[in-house]
Amino acid sequence: MIAILRAADRIATPWKNGGGITREVAVWPPNSNFDDFDWRISVAEVREARPFSMFEGIDRTMAILSGQLELRFPERTITLDPRCEPLAFPGDMPSEGIPLDGPVTDLNVMVRRSRVAARVTRFRDVTETVAEPRTVLVVTARTTLRLGDEEYALDVLDAALIADAHFSATGEGYAIAFS
């Protein structure tokens, strides 16, 4: 099964803390909210320095798609940009995001740690074959996706929700596997 999720169809929602906006890419189960999702993927714009919202029982993975973000935790500070690998951290740990030199766009993967885990893998300009029961492919550049004899063209920030299928992707982006 495959569902193409076009970036142009996403609705911008302001953050609870007012420091940015988010656009939901996919959530499981479908139509769930912050209280009952198993996993949620979004693309967010961080516009102002603010503490991140706390999400009890949630693990997060963040990848920077554009810009540079200083991420402060109680025990350390990390500067992230598009060259960095995705960063996993507990969503219930206090953290603050500070955009450096303008707004930041990031990919957020959140999972309810009592129900599911996520593995976020970046791919660049190569063909990757991924065979996972539930995978979401989030694209940061133009990508060609192949499932068997079918081929799909994905544009910047488009995504594909893929279930129970082997696929390959040529381009640049992130594959997120859930278990």
N, C-alpha and C. Protein backbone atom coordinates (compact mmCIF):
# COMPACT_ATOMS: atom_id res chain seq x y z
N MET A 1 0.83 -1.17 0.00
CA MET A 1 0.00 0.00 0.00
C MET A 1 0.88 1.25 0.00
N ILE A 2 0.47 2.25 -0.74
CA ILE A 2 1.18 3.53 -0.76
C ILE A 2 0.16 4.66 -0.82
N ALA A 3 0.45 5.71 -0.09
CA ALA A 3 -0.33 6.94 -0.16
C ALA A 3 0.66 8.09 -0.34
N ILE A 4 0.47 8.88 -1.38
CA ILE A 4 1.33 10.04 -1.62
C ILE A 4 0.74 11.22 -0.84
N LEU A 5 1.59 11.87 -0.06
CA LEU A 5 1.18 12.98 0.80
C LEU A 5 1.88 14.25 0.31
N ARG A 6 1.16 15.07 -0.41
CA ARG A 6 1.74 16.25 -1.03
C ARG A 6 1.90 17.40 -0.03
N ALA A 7 3.06 18.05 -0.07
CA ALA A 7 3.35 19.17 0.83
C ALA A 7 2.33 20.30 0.64
N ALA A 8 1.88 20.52 -0.58
CA ALA A 8 0.95 21.61 -0.87
C ALA A 8 -0.40 21.42 -0.18
N ASP A 9 -0.72 20.20 0.24
CA ASP A 9 -2.01 19.92 0.88
C ASP A 9 -2.00 20.10 2.40
N ARG A 10 -0.84 20.37 2.98
CA ARG A 10 -0.74 20.48 4.44
C ARG A 10 -1.21 21.85 4.93
N ILE A 11 -1.82 21.84 6.10
CA ILE A 11 -2.34 23.06 6.71
C ILE A 11 -1.39 23.51 7.81
N ALA A 12 -1.03 24.79 7.81
CA ALA A 12 -0.15 25.36 8.83
C ALA A 12 -0.95 25.59 10.11
N THR A 13 -0.39 25.12 11.24
CA THR A 13 -1.01 25.29 12.55
C THR A 13 -0.01 25.98 13.47
N PRO A 14 -0.41 27.08 14.14
CA PRO A 14 0.52 27.75 15.06
C PRO A 14 0.85 26.85 16.25
N TRP A 15 2.08 26.96 16.73
CA TRP A 15 2.48 26.24 17.93
C TRP A 15 1.72 26.75 19.14
N LYS A 16 1.60 25.89 20.15
CA LYS A 16 0.99 26.29 21.41
C LYS A 16 1.76 27.44 22.05
N ASN A 17 3.09 27.45 21.90
CA ASN A 17 3.90 28.48 22.55
C ASN A 17 4.12 29.72 21.67
N GLY A 18 3.57 29.75 20.46
CA GLY A 18 3.64 30.92 19.61
C GLY A 18 4.95 31.13 18.87
N GLY A 19 5.92 30.23 19.01
CA GLY A 19 7.24 30.43 18.42
C GLY A 19 7.41 29.92 17.01
N GLY A 20 6.36 29.38 16.41
CA GLY A 20 6.49 28.85 15.06
C GLY A 20 5.19 28.24 14.59
N ILE A 21 5.27 27.49 13.49
CA ILE A 21 4.12 26.78 12.95
C ILE A 21 4.52 25.36 12.62
N THR A 22 3.54 24.48 12.52
CA THR A 22 3.79 23.10 12.15
C THR A 22 2.80 22.68 11.07
N ARG A 23 3.24 21.74 10.26
CA ARG A 23 2.37 21.14 9.24
C ARG A 23 2.47 19.62 9.41
N GLU A 24 1.37 18.99 9.76
CA GLU A 24 1.38 17.55 9.97
C GLU A 24 1.52 16.83 8.64
N VAL A 25 2.48 15.90 8.59
CA VAL A 25 2.71 15.08 7.40
C VAL A 25 1.85 13.83 7.49
N ALA A 26 1.92 13.13 8.63
CA ALA A 26 1.15 11.90 8.83
C ALA A 26 1.05 11.63 10.32
N VAL A 27 0.00 10.91 10.70
CA VAL A 27 -0.21 10.52 12.10
C VAL A 27 -0.84 9.13 12.10
N TRP A 28 -0.52 8.35 13.15
CA TRP A 28 -1.09 7.02 13.29
C TRP A 28 -1.56 6.83 14.71
N PRO A 29 -2.76 6.32 14.92
CA PRO A 29 -3.77 6.01 13.92
C PRO A 29 -4.30 7.27 13.25
N PRO A 30 -4.88 7.10 12.06
CA PRO A 30 -5.39 8.26 11.34
C PRO A 30 -6.38 9.07 12.20
N ASN A 31 -6.31 10.37 12.07
CA ASN A 31 -7.19 11.31 12.77
C ASN A 31 -7.00 11.34 14.28
N SER A 32 -5.91 10.79 14.78
CA SER A 32 -5.68 10.86 16.22
C SER A 32 -5.15 12.25 16.57
N ASN A 33 -5.17 12.57 17.88
CA ASN A 33 -4.69 13.87 18.34
C ASN A 33 -3.48 13.68 19.25
N PHE A 34 -3.04 14.75 19.91
CA PHE A 34 -1.83 14.68 20.73
C PHE A 34 -1.98 13.73 21.93
N ASP A 35 -3.20 13.45 22.33
CA ASP A 35 -3.41 12.58 23.49
C ASP A 35 -3.40 11.10 23.15
N ASP A 36 -3.61 10.74 21.89
CA ASP A 36 -3.76 9.31 21.59
C ASP A 36 -3.00 8.81 20.36
N PHE A 37 -2.11 9.61 19.76
CA PHE A 37 -1.36 9.10 18.61
C PHE A 37 -0.33 8.06 19.04
N ASP A 38 -0.01 7.13 18.14
CA ASP A 38 1.13 6.23 18.33
C ASP A 38 2.39 6.90 17.78
N TRP A 39 2.26 7.49 16.59
CA TRP A 39 3.35 8.26 16.01
C TRP A 39 2.79 9.44 15.21
N ARG A 40 3.64 10.47 15.10
CA ARG A 40 3.26 11.68 14.37
C ARG A 40 4.50 12.24 13.70
N ILE A 41 4.35 12.63 12.43
CA ILE A 41 5.44 13.25 11.68
C ILE A 41 4.96 14.62 11.23
N SER A 42 5.81 15.63 11.41
CA SER A 42 5.44 16.97 10.99
C SER A 42 6.68 17.70 10.48
N VAL A 43 6.43 18.76 9.73
CA VAL A 43 7.46 19.70 9.32
C VAL A 43 7.12 21.01 10.00
N ALA A 44 8.09 21.58 10.72
CA ALA A 44 7.83 22.79 11.50
C ALA A 44 8.77 23.91 11.09
N GLU A 45 8.30 25.12 11.30
CA GLU A 45 9.12 26.31 11.12
C GLU A 45 9.32 26.94 12.48
N VAL A 46 10.58 27.04 12.90
CA VAL A 46 10.93 27.67 14.16
C VAL A 46 11.30 29.11 13.83
N ARG A 47 10.51 30.05 14.31
CA ARG A 47 10.71 31.45 13.96
C ARG A 47 11.33 32.26 15.09
N GLU A 48 11.09 31.84 16.32
CA GLU A 48 11.56 32.59 17.48
C GLU A 48 12.15 31.64 18.51
N ALA A 49 13.06 32.17 19.32
CA ALA A 49 13.63 31.38 20.42
C ALA A 49 12.55 31.17 21.47
N ARG A 50 12.27 29.91 21.78
CA ARG A 50 11.25 29.57 22.77
C ARG A 50 11.54 28.17 23.32
N PRO A 51 11.06 27.91 24.53
CA PRO A 51 11.10 26.52 25.01
C PRO A 51 10.19 25.66 24.13
N PHE A 52 10.62 24.45 23.86
CA PHE A 52 9.77 23.52 23.11
C PHE A 52 8.67 23.03 24.04
N SER A 53 7.51 22.73 23.47
CA SER A 53 6.42 22.16 24.26
C SER A 53 6.85 20.81 24.79
N MET A 54 6.42 20.52 26.01
CA MET A 54 6.74 19.23 26.64
C MET A 54 5.67 18.22 26.22
N PHE A 55 6.11 17.00 25.90
CA PHE A 55 5.21 15.91 25.53
C PHE A 55 5.54 14.71 26.40
N GLU A 56 4.76 14.51 27.46
CA GLU A 56 4.99 13.40 28.39
C GLU A 56 4.87 12.06 27.67
N GLY A 57 5.85 11.17 27.91
CA GLY A 57 5.81 9.82 27.35
C GLY A 57 6.12 9.74 25.87
N ILE A 58 6.63 10.83 25.31
CA ILE A 58 6.90 10.89 23.87
C ILE A 58 8.41 10.96 23.63
N ASP A 59 8.90 10.20 22.66
CA ASP A 59 10.28 10.32 22.19
C ASP A 59 10.24 11.08 20.86
N ARG A 60 11.21 11.97 20.68
CA ARG A 60 11.26 12.79 19.48
C ARG A 60 12.55 12.55 18.72
N THR A 61 12.49 12.69 17.40
CA THR A 61 13.67 12.75 16.56
C THR A 61 13.49 13.96 15.67
N MET A 62 14.55 14.78 15.58
CA MET A 62 14.49 16.02 14.80
C MET A 62 15.62 16.03 13.78
N ALA A 63 15.29 16.46 12.57
CA ALA A 63 16.28 16.68 11.53
C ALA A 63 16.05 18.09 10.98
N ILE A 64 17.12 18.84 10.80
CA ILE A 64 17.02 20.20 10.28
C ILE A 64 17.03 20.14 8.75
N LEU A 65 16.01 20.73 8.15
CA LEU A 65 15.90 20.76 6.69
C LEU A 65 16.48 22.03 6.11
N SER A 66 16.35 23.16 6.83
CA SER A 66 16.97 24.42 6.40
C SER A 66 17.20 25.29 7.62
N GLY A 67 18.25 26.10 7.56
CA GLY A 67 18.59 26.99 8.66
C GLY A 67 19.50 26.31 9.67
N GLN A 68 19.68 26.99 10.79
CA GLN A 68 20.56 26.49 11.85
C GLN A 68 19.85 26.72 13.18
N LEU A 69 19.80 25.69 14.03
CA LEU A 69 19.07 25.73 15.29
C LEU A 69 20.00 25.35 16.44
N GLU A 70 20.01 26.20 17.45
CA GLU A 70 20.68 25.84 18.70
C GLU A 70 19.62 25.21 19.59
N LEU A 71 19.87 24.00 20.02
CA LEU A 71 18.93 23.25 20.85
C LEU A 71 19.55 23.09 22.23
N ARG A 72 18.89 23.69 23.23
CA ARG A 72 19.42 23.67 24.60
C ARG A 72 18.63 22.70 25.46
N PHE A 73 19.38 21.83 26.12
CA PHE A 73 18.85 20.88 27.10
C PHE A 73 19.46 21.23 28.45
N PRO A 74 18.94 20.69 29.56
CA PRO A 74 19.53 21.02 30.86
C PRO A 74 21.01 20.69 30.96
N GLU A 75 21.47 19.60 30.30
CA GLU A 75 22.86 19.17 30.47
C GLU A 75 23.77 19.46 29.28
N ARG A 76 23.20 19.99 28.17
CA ARG A 76 24.04 20.25 27.00
C ARG A 76 23.33 21.17 26.02
N THR A 77 24.13 21.74 25.12
CA THR A 77 23.62 22.56 24.03
C THR A 77 24.20 22.01 22.74
N ILE A 78 23.34 21.88 21.72
CA ILE A 78 23.74 21.32 20.43
C ILE A 78 23.32 22.30 19.34
N THR A 79 24.17 22.50 18.35
CA THR A 79 23.79 23.29 17.19
C THR A 79 23.58 22.34 16.03
N LEU A 80 22.40 22.44 15.42
CA LEU A 80 22.01 21.55 14.33
C LEU A 80 21.80 22.33 13.05
N ASP A 81 22.15 21.72 11.92
CA ASP A 81 21.88 22.28 10.61
C ASP A 81 21.61 21.12 9.65
N PRO A 82 21.33 21.39 8.38
CA PRO A 82 20.98 20.31 7.45
C PRO A 82 22.06 19.25 7.26
N ARG A 83 23.31 19.53 7.59
CA ARG A 83 24.37 18.52 7.44
C ARG A 83 24.37 17.51 8.59
N CYS A 84 23.71 17.83 9.70
CA CYS A 84 23.72 16.98 10.90
C CYS A 84 22.79 15.77 10.72
N GLU A 85 23.16 14.69 11.36
CA GLU A 85 22.28 13.52 11.40
C GLU A 85 21.08 13.83 12.30
N PRO A 86 19.97 13.13 12.13
CA PRO A 86 18.81 13.35 12.98
C PRO A 86 19.17 13.15 14.46
N LEU A 87 18.56 13.94 15.33
CA LEU A 87 18.83 13.89 16.76
C LEU A 87 17.61 13.37 17.49
N ALA A 88 17.80 12.29 18.27
CA ALA A 88 16.72 11.73 19.08
C ALA A 88 16.85 12.24 20.51
N PHE A 89 15.69 12.58 21.13
CA PHE A 89 15.69 13.04 22.51
C PHE A 89 14.29 12.85 23.11
N PRO A 90 14.20 12.74 24.44
CA PRO A 90 12.89 12.59 25.08
C PRO A 90 12.06 13.87 24.94
N GLY A 91 10.82 13.72 24.55
CA GLY A 91 9.93 14.87 24.40
C GLY A 91 9.48 15.46 25.71
N ASP A 92 9.73 14.74 26.82
CA ASP A 92 9.36 15.26 28.12
C ASP A 92 10.56 15.84 28.87
N MET A 93 11.68 16.02 28.14
CA MET A 93 12.85 16.69 28.71
C MET A 93 12.75 18.18 28.34
N PRO A 94 12.99 19.08 29.31
CA PRO A 94 12.97 20.50 28.97
C PRO A 94 13.99 20.80 27.87
N SER A 95 13.57 21.56 26.88
CA SER A 95 14.46 21.94 25.79
C SER A 95 14.00 23.27 25.23
N GLU A 96 14.95 23.98 24.63
CA GLU A 96 14.65 25.28 24.04
C GLU A 96 15.31 25.33 22.67
N GLY A 97 14.58 25.81 21.68
CA GLY A 97 15.11 25.97 20.34
C GLY A 97 15.36 27.43 20.02
N ILE A 98 16.56 27.72 19.54
CA ILE A 98 16.94 29.09 19.21
C ILE A 98 17.40 29.12 17.76
N PRO A 99 16.59 29.69 16.85
CA PRO A 99 17.03 29.79 15.46
C PRO A 99 18.18 30.79 15.35
N LEU A 100 19.20 30.40 14.60
CA LEU A 100 20.37 31.26 14.39
C LEU A 100 20.30 31.81 12.98
N ASP A 101 20.37 33.10 12.82
CA ASP A 101 20.39 33.76 11.49
C ASP A 101 19.13 33.50 10.68
N GLY A 102 17.97 33.51 11.30
CA GLY A 102 16.71 33.40 10.58
C GLY A 102 15.94 32.14 10.90
N PRO A 103 14.75 31.99 10.31
CA PRO A 103 13.89 30.85 10.59
C PRO A 103 14.54 29.52 10.22
N VAL A 104 14.08 28.47 10.89
CA VAL A 104 14.57 27.10 10.69
C VAL A 104 13.39 26.23 10.31
N THR A 105 13.59 25.33 9.35
CA THR A 105 12.58 24.33 9.03
C THR A 105 13.13 22.98 9.46
N ASP A 106 12.31 22.24 10.23
CA ASP A 106 12.77 20.94 10.70
C ASP A 106 11.72 19.87 10.50
N LEU A 107 12.20 18.64 10.48
CA LEU A 107 11.38 17.45 10.42
C LEU A 107 11.29 16.90 11.83
N ASN A 108 10.07 16.69 12.33
CA ASN A 108 9.85 16.15 13.67
C ASN A 108 9.17 14.80 13.57
N VAL A 109 9.73 13.82 14.26
CA VAL A 109 9.12 12.51 14.38
C VAL A 109 8.87 12.29 15.86
N MET A 110 7.61 12.07 16.23
CA MET A 110 7.27 11.83 17.63
C MET A 110 6.59 10.47 17.75
N VAL A 111 7.02 9.69 18.75
CA VAL A 111 6.42 8.38 19.00
C VAL A 111 6.07 8.25 20.48
N ARG A 112 4.96 7.59 20.75
CA ARG A 112 4.59 7.29 22.12
C ARG A 112 5.44 6.10 22.55
N ARG A 113 6.37 6.34 23.49
CA ARG A 113 7.40 5.34 23.79
C ARG A 113 6.83 4.04 24.35
N SER A 114 5.66 4.04 24.91
CA SER A 114 5.06 2.80 25.43
C SER A 114 4.46 1.94 24.32
N ARG A 115 4.36 2.47 23.09
CA ARG A 115 3.69 1.75 22.01
C ARG A 115 4.55 1.46 20.79
N VAL A 116 5.50 2.36 20.47
CA VAL A 116 6.20 2.24 19.20
C VAL A 116 7.58 2.91 19.30
N ALA A 117 8.46 2.51 18.41
CA ALA A 117 9.78 3.14 18.28
C ALA A 117 9.96 3.54 16.82
N ALA A 118 10.82 4.53 16.59
CA ALA A 118 11.08 5.00 15.23
C ALA A 118 12.58 5.01 14.97
N ARG A 119 12.93 4.69 13.74
CA ARG A 119 14.31 4.81 13.28
C ARG A 119 14.30 5.74 12.07
N VAL A 120 14.99 6.88 12.18
CA VAL A 120 15.02 7.88 11.13
C VAL A 120 16.36 7.77 10.42
N THR A 121 16.33 7.51 9.11
CA THR A 121 17.54 7.33 8.32
C THR A 121 17.54 8.31 7.16
N ARG A 122 18.65 8.99 6.99
CA ARG A 122 18.78 9.94 5.89
C ARG A 122 19.34 9.21 4.66
N PHE A 123 18.86 9.58 3.48
CA PHE A 123 19.47 9.08 2.26
C PHE A 123 19.76 10.27 1.35
N ARG A 124 20.84 10.14 0.55
CA ARG A 124 21.28 11.23 -0.33
C ARG A 124 21.74 10.68 -1.67
N ASP A 125 21.11 11.15 -2.72
CA ASP A 125 21.57 10.92 -4.09
C ASP A 125 21.93 9.48 -4.43
N VAL A 126 21.34 8.55 -3.76
CA VAL A 126 21.59 7.15 -4.04
C VAL A 126 20.26 6.42 -3.98
N THR A 127 20.25 5.22 -4.49
CA THR A 127 19.05 4.40 -4.38
C THR A 127 19.15 3.59 -3.11
N GLU A 128 18.15 3.74 -2.28
CA GLU A 128 18.06 2.99 -1.03
C GLU A 128 16.88 2.04 -1.15
N THR A 129 17.05 0.82 -0.76
CA THR A 129 15.92 -0.10 -0.70
C THR A 129 15.59 -0.30 0.76
N VAL A 130 14.34 -0.09 1.09
CA VAL A 130 13.88 -0.19 2.47
C VAL A 130 12.73 -1.19 2.49
N ALA A 131 12.79 -2.13 3.40
CA ALA A 131 11.73 -3.12 3.54
C ALA A 131 11.30 -3.16 5.00
N GLU A 132 10.36 -2.35 5.37
CA GLU A 132 9.86 -2.28 6.73
C GLU A 132 8.34 -2.42 6.68
N PRO A 133 7.73 -2.92 7.75
CA PRO A 133 6.28 -3.06 7.76
C PRO A 133 5.55 -1.73 7.59
N ARG A 134 6.00 -0.69 8.28
CA ARG A 134 5.38 0.63 8.14
C ARG A 134 6.51 1.64 8.00
N THR A 135 6.55 2.31 6.90
CA THR A 135 7.59 3.29 6.65
C THR A 135 6.96 4.54 6.07
N VAL A 136 7.43 5.69 6.52
CA VAL A 136 7.06 6.95 5.90
C VAL A 136 8.33 7.52 5.30
N LEU A 137 8.25 7.92 4.06
CA LEU A 137 9.37 8.53 3.38
C LEU A 137 9.09 10.02 3.29
N VAL A 138 9.93 10.84 3.87
CA VAL A 138 9.77 12.29 3.79
C VAL A 138 10.88 12.81 2.91
N VAL A 139 10.52 13.58 1.92
CA VAL A 139 11.45 14.02 0.91
C VAL A 139 11.84 15.47 1.14
N THR A 140 13.12 15.77 1.07
CA THR A 140 13.58 17.15 1.19
C THR A 140 14.04 17.70 -0.15
N ALA A 141 14.18 16.87 -1.13
CA ALA A 141 14.51 17.30 -2.49
C ALA A 141 13.69 16.42 -3.43
N ARG A 142 13.76 16.68 -4.68
CA ARG A 142 12.99 15.85 -5.62
C ARG A 142 13.51 14.42 -5.57
N THR A 143 12.57 13.49 -5.55
CA THR A 143 12.91 12.08 -5.39
C THR A 143 12.02 11.24 -6.29
N THR A 144 12.58 10.16 -6.78
CA THR A 144 11.79 9.17 -7.51
C THR A 144 11.66 7.95 -6.62
N LEU A 145 10.45 7.50 -6.44
CA LEU A 145 10.13 6.36 -5.58
C LEU A 145 9.62 5.23 -6.46
N ARG A 146 10.11 4.02 -6.21
CA ARG A 146 9.70 2.85 -7.00
C ARG A 146 9.19 1.75 -6.08
N LEU A 147 8.00 1.25 -6.41
CA LEU A 147 7.42 0.08 -5.76
C LEU A 147 7.08 -0.89 -6.87
N GLY A 148 7.81 -1.97 -6.97
CA GLY A 148 7.60 -2.91 -8.07
C GLY A 148 7.75 -2.21 -9.40
N ASP A 149 6.72 -2.29 -10.25
CA ASP A 149 6.76 -1.65 -11.57
C ASP A 149 6.26 -0.21 -11.55
N GLU A 150 5.76 0.24 -10.42
CA GLU A 150 5.21 1.59 -10.31
C GLU A 150 6.29 2.59 -9.92
N GLU A 151 6.21 3.80 -10.50
CA GLU A 151 7.16 4.86 -10.19
C GLU A 151 6.38 6.12 -9.83
N TYR A 152 6.84 6.81 -8.77
CA TYR A 152 6.18 8.01 -8.28
C TYR A 152 7.20 9.13 -8.19
N ALA A 153 6.83 10.31 -8.68
CA ALA A 153 7.70 11.49 -8.58
C ALA A 153 7.24 12.31 -7.39
N LEU A 154 8.16 12.55 -6.47
CA LEU A 154 7.86 13.34 -5.28
C LEU A 154 8.63 14.65 -5.37
N ASP A 155 7.96 15.74 -5.04
CA ASP A 155 8.57 17.06 -5.09
C ASP A 155 9.09 17.43 -3.70
N VAL A 156 9.65 18.60 -3.55
CA VAL A 156 10.22 19.06 -2.29
C VAL A 156 9.18 18.97 -1.18
N LEU A 157 9.55 18.27 -0.09
CA LEU A 157 8.74 18.05 1.12
C LEU A 157 7.51 17.19 0.92
N ASP A 158 7.31 16.61 -0.28
CA ASP A 158 6.28 15.59 -0.41
C ASP A 158 6.69 14.37 0.40
N ALA A 159 5.74 13.50 0.67
CA ALA A 159 6.02 12.28 1.43
C ALA A 159 5.19 11.14 0.87
N ALA A 160 5.57 9.94 1.25
CA ALA A 160 4.80 8.76 0.88
C ALA A 160 4.67 7.89 2.11
N LEU A 161 3.46 7.45 2.40
CA LEU A 161 3.20 6.50 3.46
C LEU A 161 3.15 5.13 2.80
N ILE A 162 4.05 4.26 3.22
CA ILE A 162 4.20 2.96 2.57
C ILE A 162 4.02 1.88 3.63
N ALA A 163 3.17 0.91 3.34
CA ALA A 163 2.95 -0.19 4.28
C ALA A 163 3.19 -1.52 3.58
N ASP A 164 3.92 -2.40 4.25
CA ASP A 164 4.12 -3.77 3.79
C ASP A 164 4.59 -3.86 2.34
N ALA A 165 5.62 -3.08 1.99
CA ALA A 165 6.11 -3.12 0.62
C ALA A 165 7.60 -2.81 0.60
N HIS A 166 8.29 -3.43 -0.34
CA HIS A 166 9.69 -3.09 -0.61
C HIS A 166 9.67 -1.91 -1.57
N PHE A 167 10.55 -0.95 -1.34
CA PHE A 167 10.61 0.18 -2.25
C PHE A 167 12.04 0.67 -2.35
N SER A 168 12.28 1.47 -3.39
CA SER A 168 13.57 2.14 -3.52
C SER A 168 13.30 3.61 -3.78
N ALA A 169 14.25 4.44 -3.37
CA ALA A 169 14.12 5.88 -3.55
C ALA A 169 15.44 6.42 -4.07
N THR A 170 15.35 7.25 -5.10
CA THR A 170 16.53 7.92 -5.64
C THR A 170 16.32 9.41 -5.46
N GLY A 171 17.21 10.06 -4.76
CA GLY A 171 17.09 11.49 -4.48
C GLY A 171 17.66 11.78 -3.11
N GLU A 172 16.94 12.60 -2.34
CA GLU A 172 17.41 12.98 -1.03
C GLU A 172 16.23 13.09 -0.07
N GLY A 173 16.39 12.57 1.14
CA GLY A 173 15.32 12.67 2.12
C GLY A 173 15.58 11.81 3.32
N TYR A 174 14.50 11.45 4.00
CA TYR A 174 14.56 10.66 5.23
C TYR A 174 13.56 9.52 5.14
N ALA A 175 14.00 8.32 5.49
CA ALA A 175 13.10 7.19 5.63
C ALA A 175 12.90 6.97 7.13
N ILE A 176 11.65 6.84 7.53
CA ILE A 176 11.30 6.66 8.94
C ILE A 176 10.62 5.32 9.06
N ALA A 177 11.23 4.40 9.80
CA ALA A 177 10.68 3.06 9.99
C ALA A 177 10.14 2.95 11.41
N PHE A 178 8.94 2.43 11.54
CA PHE A 178 8.31 2.25 12.85
C PHE A 178 8.26 0.79 13.23
N SER A 179 8.50 0.51 14.51
CA SER A 179 8.39 -0.88 15.00
C SER A 179 7.74 -0.88 16.36
